[in-house]
Amino acid sequence: MWLLDALPRDLTGVRVLIYGYDTRLTGSKSFQNINDLGTKFRTDLKVIRGESIIQMPSGDPSDQATLKSIRGLLLFGVPNRGMATESLIPMVEGQPNRPLVDALDEGNGTLRAQAGRFPAAFAFRDAEIVSFYETSQSPTAQQVDGVWRMTGEPAVLVDRDSATYGREWELGDRYVYPVNQTHSNMVKFNGFDDDTYRVVVYHLKSFKENADRIVGGRFMDVA
């Protein structure tokens, strides 16, 4: 994994933390929703440091300190305005995780509402958000002999508009980058010379270079 194997070599002096959550669809007993995932991430961040960003401004002082400490974000295929879920719905039919998949759909207003609140929740103009979007169709889910496989008709799962919908001042080429991969392969880089990996390292180095000054200034402004 490049986060563990490559990044420490190219971005020295940083600590890399990997965070994830249960994304199983078939056979899932989970009924967690988007707010649950955000709350858990926010709480787990407190533990590591000894509804995530949009929940932080109204949170306790620790939440607000975490928010102020964010120098930048790299977002890969994030469905800010939803994604294509047609092939996923049959996989979760009758299961408690169906509402979570429904909330991700392009026609559902949940993510659009959150995307609308995001610029106000994360209003720091000295922070940078770079959005990566897929330019290759992905295989979709298809049931074959009772087993779900990703062999269905290719489709764009998260389109450019959804993946790059963010703060109005971050719509230029510096903040938007196409990746000629399927949705699931966007962050599966082909070695140190992978074009997208080099772009990632470039932005992370930029974040790191100015982080102390920028983040420190936010806390001094409050003081």
C-alpha atoms as a PDB file:
ATOM      1  CA  MET A   1       0.000   0.000   0.000  1.00  0.00           C
ATOM      2  CA  TRP A   2       1.450   3.330  -1.087  1.00  0.00           C
ATOM      3  CA  LEU A   3       0.416   5.077   2.120  1.00  0.00           C
ATOM      4  CA  LEU A   4       2.735   2.791   4.083  1.00  0.00           C
ATOM      5  CA  ASP A   5       5.372   1.852   1.509  1.00  0.00           C
ATOM      6  CA  ALA A   6       5.904   4.887  -0.706  1.00  0.00           C
ATOM      7  CA  LEU A   7       4.652   7.988   1.068  1.00  0.00           C
ATOM      8  CA  PRO A   8       7.031   7.841   4.081  1.00  0.00           C
ATOM      9  CA  ARG A   9       9.926   7.848   1.614  1.00  0.00           C
ATOM     10  CA  ASP A  10       8.673  10.836  -0.352  1.00  0.00           C
ATOM     11  CA  LEU A  11       7.186  12.817   2.527  1.00  0.00           C
ATOM     12  CA  THR A  12       9.542  12.654   5.471  1.00  0.00           C
ATOM     13  CA  GLY A  13       8.744  13.764   8.994  1.00  0.00           C
ATOM     14  CA  VAL A  14       5.072  12.832   8.935  1.00  0.00           C
ATOM     15  CA  ARG A  15       2.967  10.213  10.666  1.00  0.00           C
ATOM     16  CA  VAL A  16       0.640   8.275   8.377  1.00  0.00           C
ATOM     17  CA  LEU A  17      -2.630   7.076   9.899  1.00  0.00           C
ATOM     18  CA  ILE A  18      -5.030   4.800   8.025  1.00  0.00           C
ATOM     19  CA  TYR A  19      -8.718   4.866   8.890  1.00  0.00           C
ATOM     20  CA  GLY A  20     -11.577   2.874   7.456  1.00  0.00           C
ATOM     21  CA  TYR A  21     -15.019   1.456   8.137  1.00  0.00           C
ATOM     22  CA  ASP A  22     -17.154  -1.524   7.185  1.00  0.00           C
ATOM     23  CA  THR A  23     -18.260  -1.193   3.557  1.00  0.00           C
ATOM     24  CA  ARG A  24     -19.700  -4.658   3.004  1.00  0.00           C
ATOM     25  CA  LEU A  25     -22.972  -4.670   1.114  1.00  0.00           C
ATOM     26  CA  THR A  26     -24.239  -8.241   0.813  1.00  0.00           C
ATOM     27  CA  GLY A  27     -25.100  -9.977   4.053  1.00  0.00           C
ATOM     28  CA  SER A  28     -24.567  -6.839   6.121  1.00  0.00           C
ATOM     29  CA  LYS A  29     -26.420  -6.492   9.427  1.00  0.00           C
ATOM     30  CA  SER A  30     -25.333  -2.888   9.891  1.00  0.00           C
ATOM     31  CA  PHE A  31     -27.852  -0.046   9.917  1.00  0.00           C
ATOM     32  CA  GLN A  32     -25.319   2.766  10.356  1.00  0.00           C
ATOM     33  CA  ASN A  33     -26.032   5.939   8.414  1.00  0.00           C
ATOM     34  CA  ILE A  34     -23.900   8.789   7.101  1.00  0.00           C
ATOM     35  CA  ASN A  35     -24.186  10.757  10.349  1.00  0.00           C
ATOM     36  CA  ASP A  36     -23.107   7.694  12.337  1.00  0.00           C
ATOM     37  CA  LEU A  37     -19.992   7.337  10.186  1.00  0.00           C
ATOM     38  CA  GLY A  38     -19.142  11.015  10.642  1.00  0.00           C
ATOM     39  CA  THR A  39     -19.652  10.898  14.405  1.00  0.00           C
ATOM     40  CA  LYS A  40     -17.473   7.813  14.780  1.00  0.00           C
ATOM     41  CA  PHE A  41     -14.691   9.355  12.717  1.00  0.00           C
ATOM     42  CA  ARG A  42     -14.809  12.545  14.759  1.00  0.00           C
ATOM     43  CA  THR A  43     -14.663  10.605  18.034  1.00  0.00           C
ATOM     44  CA  ASP A  44     -11.894   8.309  16.829  1.00  0.00           C
ATOM     45  CA  LEU A  45      -9.822  11.350  15.872  1.00  0.00           C
ATOM     46  CA  LYS A  46      -9.945  12.465  19.500  1.00  0.00           C
ATOM     47  CA  VAL A  47      -8.620   9.088  20.593  1.00  0.00           C
ATOM     48  CA  ILE A  48      -5.832   9.150  17.998  1.00  0.00           C
ATOM     49  CA  ARG A  49      -4.769  12.637  19.070  1.00  0.00           C
ATOM     50  CA  GLY A  50      -4.651  11.665  22.657  1.00  0.00           C
ATOM     51  CA  GLU A  51     -20.728  13.802  10.801  1.00  0.00           C
ATOM     52  CA  SER A  52     -16.821  14.772  10.739  1.00  0.00           C
ATOM     53  CA  ILE A  53     -15.931  18.228   9.353  1.00  0.00           C
ATOM     54  CA  ILE A  54     -19.428  19.628   9.064  1.00  0.00           C
ATOM     55  CA  GLN A  55     -20.120  18.518  12.648  1.00  0.00           C
ATOM     56  CA  MET A  56     -16.976  20.060  14.115  1.00  0.00           C
ATOM     57  CA  PRO A  57     -17.851  23.786  14.160  1.00  0.00           C
ATOM     58  CA  SER A  58     -20.648  23.134  16.650  1.00  0.00           C
ATOM     59  CA  GLY A  59     -18.686  20.552  18.622  1.00  0.00           C
ATOM     60  CA  ASP A  60     -16.615  20.841  21.777  1.00  0.00           C
ATOM     61  CA  PRO A  61     -13.251  22.685  21.901  1.00  0.00           C
ATOM     62  CA  SER A  62     -11.402  19.536  20.839  1.00  0.00           C
ATOM     63  CA  ASP A  63     -13.532  19.259  17.696  1.00  0.00           C
ATOM     64  CA  GLN A  64     -12.943  22.894  16.850  1.00  0.00           C
ATOM     65  CA  ALA A  65      -9.194  22.505  17.394  1.00  0.00           C
ATOM     66  CA  THR A  66      -9.181  19.546  15.014  1.00  0.00           C
ATOM     67  CA  LEU A  67     -11.017  21.584  12.396  1.00  0.00           C
ATOM     68  CA  LYS A  68      -8.514  24.431  12.680  1.00  0.00           C
ATOM     69  CA  SER A  69      -5.648  21.967  12.313  1.00  0.00           C
ATOM     70  CA  ILE A  70      -6.671  20.793   8.841  1.00  0.00           C
ATOM     71  CA  ARG A  71      -4.233  22.224   6.307  1.00  0.00           C
ATOM     72  CA  GLY A  72      -5.669  20.539   3.240  1.00  0.00           C
ATOM     73  CA  LEU A  73      -7.671  17.663   1.815  1.00  0.00           C
ATOM     74  CA  LEU A  74      -7.227  15.369  -1.171  1.00  0.00           C
ATOM     75  CA  LEU A  75     -10.576  13.881  -2.187  1.00  0.00           C
ATOM     76  CA  PHE A  76     -10.720  10.900  -4.550  1.00  0.00           C
ATOM     77  CA  GLY A  77     -14.046  10.289  -6.214  1.00  0.00           C
ATOM     78  CA  VAL A  78     -16.020  11.623  -3.272  1.00  0.00           C
ATOM     79  CA  PRO A  79     -19.750  11.590  -4.173  1.00  0.00           C
ATOM     80  CA  ASN A  80     -20.491  15.119  -2.977  1.00  0.00           C
ATOM     81  CA  ARG A  81     -23.713  15.154  -4.985  1.00  0.00           C
ATOM     82  CA  GLY A  82     -24.337  11.421  -4.975  1.00  0.00           C
ATOM     83  CA  MET A  83     -23.322   8.469  -7.132  1.00  0.00           C
ATOM     84  CA  ALA A  84     -24.833   5.835  -9.414  1.00  0.00           C
ATOM     85  CA  THR A  85     -26.320   3.153  -7.157  1.00  0.00           C
ATOM     86  CA  GLU A  86     -28.590   1.276  -9.570  1.00  0.00           C
ATOM     87  CA  SER A  87     -26.476  -1.876  -9.495  1.00  0.00           C
ATOM     88  CA  LEU A  88     -25.994  -1.706  -5.724  1.00  0.00           C
ATOM     89  CA  ILE A  89     -29.658  -1.527  -4.702  1.00  0.00           C
ATOM     90  CA  PRO A  90     -30.416  -5.206  -5.507  1.00  0.00           C
ATOM     91  CA  MET A  91     -27.433  -6.236  -3.361  1.00  0.00           C
ATOM     92  CA  VAL A  92     -28.897  -4.621  -0.240  1.00  0.00           C
ATOM     93  CA  GLU A  93     -32.605  -5.194  -0.849  1.00  0.00           C
ATOM     94  CA  GLY A  94     -34.282  -6.182   2.427  1.00  0.00           C
ATOM     95  CA  GLN A  95     -31.139  -5.519   4.464  1.00  0.00           C
ATOM     96  CA  PRO A  96     -30.687  -2.918   7.233  1.00  0.00           C
ATOM     97  CA  ASN A  97     -27.976  -1.133   5.221  1.00  0.00           C
ATOM     98  CA  ARG A  98     -30.371  -0.269   2.376  1.00  0.00           C
ATOM     99  CA  PRO A  99     -30.992   3.296   3.710  1.00  0.00           C
ATOM    100  CA  LEU A 100     -27.250   4.009   3.657  1.00  0.00           C
ATOM    101  CA  VAL A 101     -26.998   3.038  -0.014  1.00  0.00           C
ATOM    102  CA  ASP A 102     -30.152   5.041  -0.772  1.00  0.00           C
ATOM    103  CA  ALA A 103     -28.545   8.102   0.826  1.00  0.00           C
ATOM    104  CA  LEU A 104     -25.632   7.833  -1.614  1.00  0.00           C
ATOM    105  CA  ASP A 105     -27.850   7.926  -4.694  1.00  0.00           C
ATOM    106  CA  GLU A 106     -27.674  10.867  -7.095  1.00  0.00           C
ATOM    107  CA  GLY A 107     -31.377  11.546  -6.644  1.00  0.00           C
ATOM    108  CA  ASN A 108     -31.252  11.619  -2.850  1.00  0.00           C
ATOM    109  CA  GLY A 109     -30.905  15.024  -1.210  1.00  0.00           C
ATOM    110  CA  THR A 110     -28.791  13.898   1.762  1.00  0.00           C
ATOM    111  CA  LEU A 111     -25.352  14.380   0.233  1.00  0.00           C
ATOM    112  CA  ARG A 112     -26.417  17.488  -1.675  1.00  0.00           C
ATOM    113  CA  ALA A 113     -27.534  19.069   1.595  1.00  0.00           C
ATOM    114  CA  GLN A 114     -24.227  18.216   3.254  1.00  0.00           C
ATOM    115  CA  ALA A 115     -22.287  19.539   0.266  1.00  0.00           C
ATOM    116  CA  GLY A 116     -24.208  22.793   0.560  1.00  0.00           C
ATOM    117  CA  ARG A 117     -23.230  23.176   4.217  1.00  0.00           C
ATOM    118  CA  PHE A 118     -19.595  22.214   3.745  1.00  0.00           C
ATOM    119  CA  PRO A 119     -18.162  25.573   2.543  1.00  0.00           C
ATOM    120  CA  ALA A 120     -19.492  27.345   5.630  1.00  0.00           C
ATOM    121  CA  ALA A 121     -18.275  24.586   7.953  1.00  0.00           C
ATOM    122  CA  PHE A 122     -14.784  24.593   6.423  1.00  0.00           C
ATOM    123  CA  ALA A 123     -14.367  28.219   5.419  1.00  0.00           C
ATOM    124  CA  PHE A 124     -10.588  28.548   5.783  1.00  0.00           C
ATOM    125  CA  ARG A 125      -9.319  30.022   2.528  1.00  0.00           C
ATOM    126  CA  ASP A 126      -5.755  29.214   3.567  1.00  0.00           C
ATOM    127  CA  ALA A 127      -6.653  25.518   3.401  1.00  0.00           C
ATOM    128  CA  GLU A 128      -6.698  23.744   0.051  1.00  0.00           C
ATOM    129  CA  ILE A 129      -9.016  21.019  -1.202  1.00  0.00           C
ATOM    130  CA  VAL A 130      -7.959  19.086  -4.299  1.00  0.00           C
ATOM    131  CA  SER A 131     -10.609  16.884  -5.909  1.00  0.00           C
ATOM    132  CA  PHE A 132      -9.733  13.897  -8.103  1.00  0.00           C
ATOM    133  CA  TYR A 133     -12.349  12.419 -10.430  1.00  0.00           C
ATOM    134  CA  GLU A 134     -12.498   9.200 -12.447  1.00  0.00           C
ATOM    135  CA  THR A 135     -12.435   9.198 -16.251  1.00  0.00           C
ATOM    136  CA  SER A 136     -12.872   5.468 -16.820  1.00  0.00           C
ATOM    137  CA  GLN A 137     -16.099   3.518 -16.476  1.00  0.00           C
ATOM    138  CA  SER A 138     -16.333   0.962 -13.682  1.00  0.00           C
ATOM    139  CA  PRO A 139     -17.786  -2.552 -13.861  1.00  0.00           C
ATOM    140  CA  THR A 140     -21.071  -2.799 -11.966  1.00  0.00           C
ATOM    141  CA  ALA A 141     -22.514  -5.490  -9.726  1.00  0.00           C
ATOM    142  CA  GLN A 142     -24.193  -8.465 -11.333  1.00  0.00           C
ATOM    143  CA  GLN A 143     -25.513 -11.653  -9.767  1.00  0.00           C
ATOM    144  CA  VAL A 144     -24.143 -14.797 -11.422  1.00  0.00           C
ATOM    145  CA  ASP A 145     -25.297 -18.201 -10.157  1.00  0.00           C
ATOM    146  CA  GLY A 146     -26.365 -16.614  -6.886  1.00  0.00           C
ATOM    147  CA  VAL A 147     -23.046 -14.814  -6.365  1.00  0.00           C
ATOM    148  CA  TRP A 148     -22.565 -11.061  -6.754  1.00  0.00           C
ATOM    149  CA  ARG A 149     -19.665 -10.173  -9.035  1.00  0.00           C
ATOM    150  CA  MET A 150     -18.397  -6.917 -10.509  1.00  0.00           C
ATOM    151  CA  THR A 151     -19.023  -8.066 -14.068  1.00  0.00           C
ATOM    152  CA  GLY A 152     -22.027  -5.938 -15.003  1.00  0.00           C
ATOM    153  CA  GLU A 153     -22.335  -3.217 -17.628  1.00  0.00           C
ATOM    154  CA  PRO A 154     -19.660  -0.509 -17.203  1.00  0.00           C
ATOM    155  CA  ALA A 155     -20.832   2.823 -15.792  1.00  0.00           C
ATOM    156  CA  VAL A 156     -19.497   6.056 -14.341  1.00  0.00           C
ATOM    157  CA  LEU A 157     -20.098   5.667 -10.611  1.00  0.00           C
ATOM    158  CA  VAL A 158     -19.196   9.207  -9.503  1.00  0.00           C
ATOM    159  CA  ASP A 159     -19.273  11.790 -12.270  1.00  0.00           C
ATOM    160  CA  ARG A 160     -17.062  14.857 -12.518  1.00  0.00           C
ATOM    161  CA  ASP A 161     -19.738  17.240 -11.289  1.00  0.00           C
ATOM    162  CA  SER A 162     -20.293  15.254  -8.115  1.00  0.00           C
ATOM    163  CA  ALA A 163     -16.623  14.527  -7.397  1.00  0.00           C
ATOM    164  CA  THR A 164     -15.523  18.145  -7.837  1.00  0.00           C
ATOM    165  CA  TYR A 165     -18.480  19.965  -6.293  1.00  0.00           C
ATOM    166  CA  GLY A 166     -16.990  21.944  -3.449  1.00  0.00           C
ATOM    167  CA  ARG A 167     -15.995  25.448  -2.489  1.00  0.00           C
ATOM    168  CA  GLU A 168     -16.547  27.961  -5.273  1.00  0.00           C
ATOM    169  CA  TRP A 169     -12.968  29.244  -5.267  1.00  0.00           C
ATOM    170  CA  GLU A 170     -11.530  25.759  -5.860  1.00  0.00           C
ATOM    171  CA  LEU A 171     -12.851  24.924  -9.309  1.00  0.00           C
ATOM    172  CA  GLY A 172      -9.725  25.701 -11.350  1.00  0.00           C
ATOM    173  CA  ASP A 173      -7.166  23.259 -12.730  1.00  0.00           C
ATOM    174  CA  ARG A 174      -4.997  23.506  -9.624  1.00  0.00           C
ATOM    175  CA  TYR A 175      -7.767  22.016  -7.516  1.00  0.00           C
ATOM    176  CA  VAL A 176      -9.355  19.532  -9.939  1.00  0.00           C
ATOM    177  CA  TYR A 177      -7.495  16.544 -11.400  1.00  0.00           C
ATOM    178  CA  PRO A 178      -8.717  13.729 -13.696  1.00  0.00           C
ATOM    179  CA  VAL A 179      -7.613  10.149 -13.058  1.00  0.00           C
ATOM    180  CA  ASN A 180      -7.925   7.732 -15.967  1.00  0.00           C
ATOM    181  CA  GLN A 181      -8.977   4.831 -13.764  1.00  0.00           C
ATOM    182  CA  THR A 182     -12.149   3.187 -12.538  1.00  0.00           C
ATOM    183  CA  HIS A 183     -13.628   4.377  -9.268  1.00  0.00           C
ATOM    184  CA  SER A 184     -12.042   1.611  -7.183  1.00  0.00           C
ATOM    185  CA  ASN A 185      -8.639   1.935  -8.878  1.00  0.00           C
ATOM    186  CA  MET A 186      -8.220   5.686  -8.450  1.00  0.00           C
ATOM    187  CA  VAL A 187      -5.818   5.308  -5.536  1.00  0.00           C
ATOM    188  CA  LYS A 188      -4.168   2.071  -6.639  1.00  0.00           C
ATOM    189  CA  PHE A 189      -1.011   3.600  -8.031  1.00  0.00           C
ATOM    190  CA  ASN A 190       1.459   1.844 -10.326  1.00  0.00           C
ATOM    191  CA  GLY A 191       4.644   2.647  -8.453  1.00  0.00           C
ATOM    192  CA  PHE A 192       6.584   5.793  -7.614  1.00  0.00           C
ATOM    193  CA  ASP A 193       6.370   7.125 -11.170  1.00  0.00           C
ATOM    194  CA  ASP A 194       2.585   6.934 -11.421  1.00  0.00           C
ATOM    195  CA  ASP A 195       1.301  10.304 -12.661  1.00  0.00           C
ATOM    196  CA  THR A 196      -1.442  10.592 -10.069  1.00  0.00           C
ATOM    197  CA  TYR A 197       0.865   9.537  -7.242  1.00  0.00           C
ATOM    198  CA  ARG A 198       3.302  12.296  -8.187  1.00  0.00           C
ATOM    199  CA  VAL A 199       0.475  14.846  -8.123  1.00  0.00           C
ATOM    200  CA  VAL A 200      -0.539  13.572  -4.678  1.00  0.00           C
ATOM    201  CA  VAL A 201       3.002  13.932  -3.346  1.00  0.00           C
ATOM    202  CA  TYR A 202       3.277  17.425  -4.845  1.00  0.00           C
ATOM    203  CA  HIS A 203       0.184  18.640  -3.020  1.00  0.00           C
ATOM    204  CA  LEU A 204       1.051  16.922   0.253  1.00  0.00           C
ATOM    205  CA  LYS A 205       4.496  18.510   0.233  1.00  0.00           C
ATOM    206  CA  SER A 206       2.864  21.876  -0.360  1.00  0.00           C
ATOM    207  CA  PHE A 207       0.507  21.293   2.562  1.00  0.00           C
ATOM    208  CA  LYS A 208       3.372  20.304   4.840  1.00  0.00           C
ATOM    209  CA  GLU A 209       5.642  23.183   3.832  1.00  0.00           C
ATOM    210  CA  ASN A 210       3.247  25.853   5.079  1.00  0.00           C
ATOM    211  CA  ALA A 211       1.312  23.909   7.705  1.00  0.00           C
ATOM    212  CA  ASP A 212       3.004  25.264  10.835  1.00  0.00           C
ATOM    213  CA  ARG A 213       2.608  28.885   9.782  1.00  0.00           C
ATOM    214  CA  ILE A 214      -0.959  28.592   8.512  1.00  0.00           C
ATOM    215  CA  VAL A 215      -2.394  26.413  11.265  1.00  0.00           C
ATOM    216  CA  GLY A 216      -0.499  28.269  13.971  1.00  0.00           C
ATOM    217  CA  GLY A 217      -1.909  31.539  12.686  1.00  0.00           C
ATOM    218  CA  ARG A 218      -5.481  30.295  13.066  1.00  0.00           C
ATOM    219  CA  PHE A 219      -4.969  29.632  16.754  1.00  0.00           C
ATOM    220  CA  MET A 220      -3.199  32.961  17.279  1.00  0.00           C
ATOM    221  CA  ASP A 221      -6.108  34.794  15.640  1.00  0.00           C
ATOM    222  CA  VAL A 222      -8.461  33.288  18.221  1.00  0.00           C
ATOM    223  CA  ALA A 223      -6.149  34.061  21.095  1.00  0.00           C
END
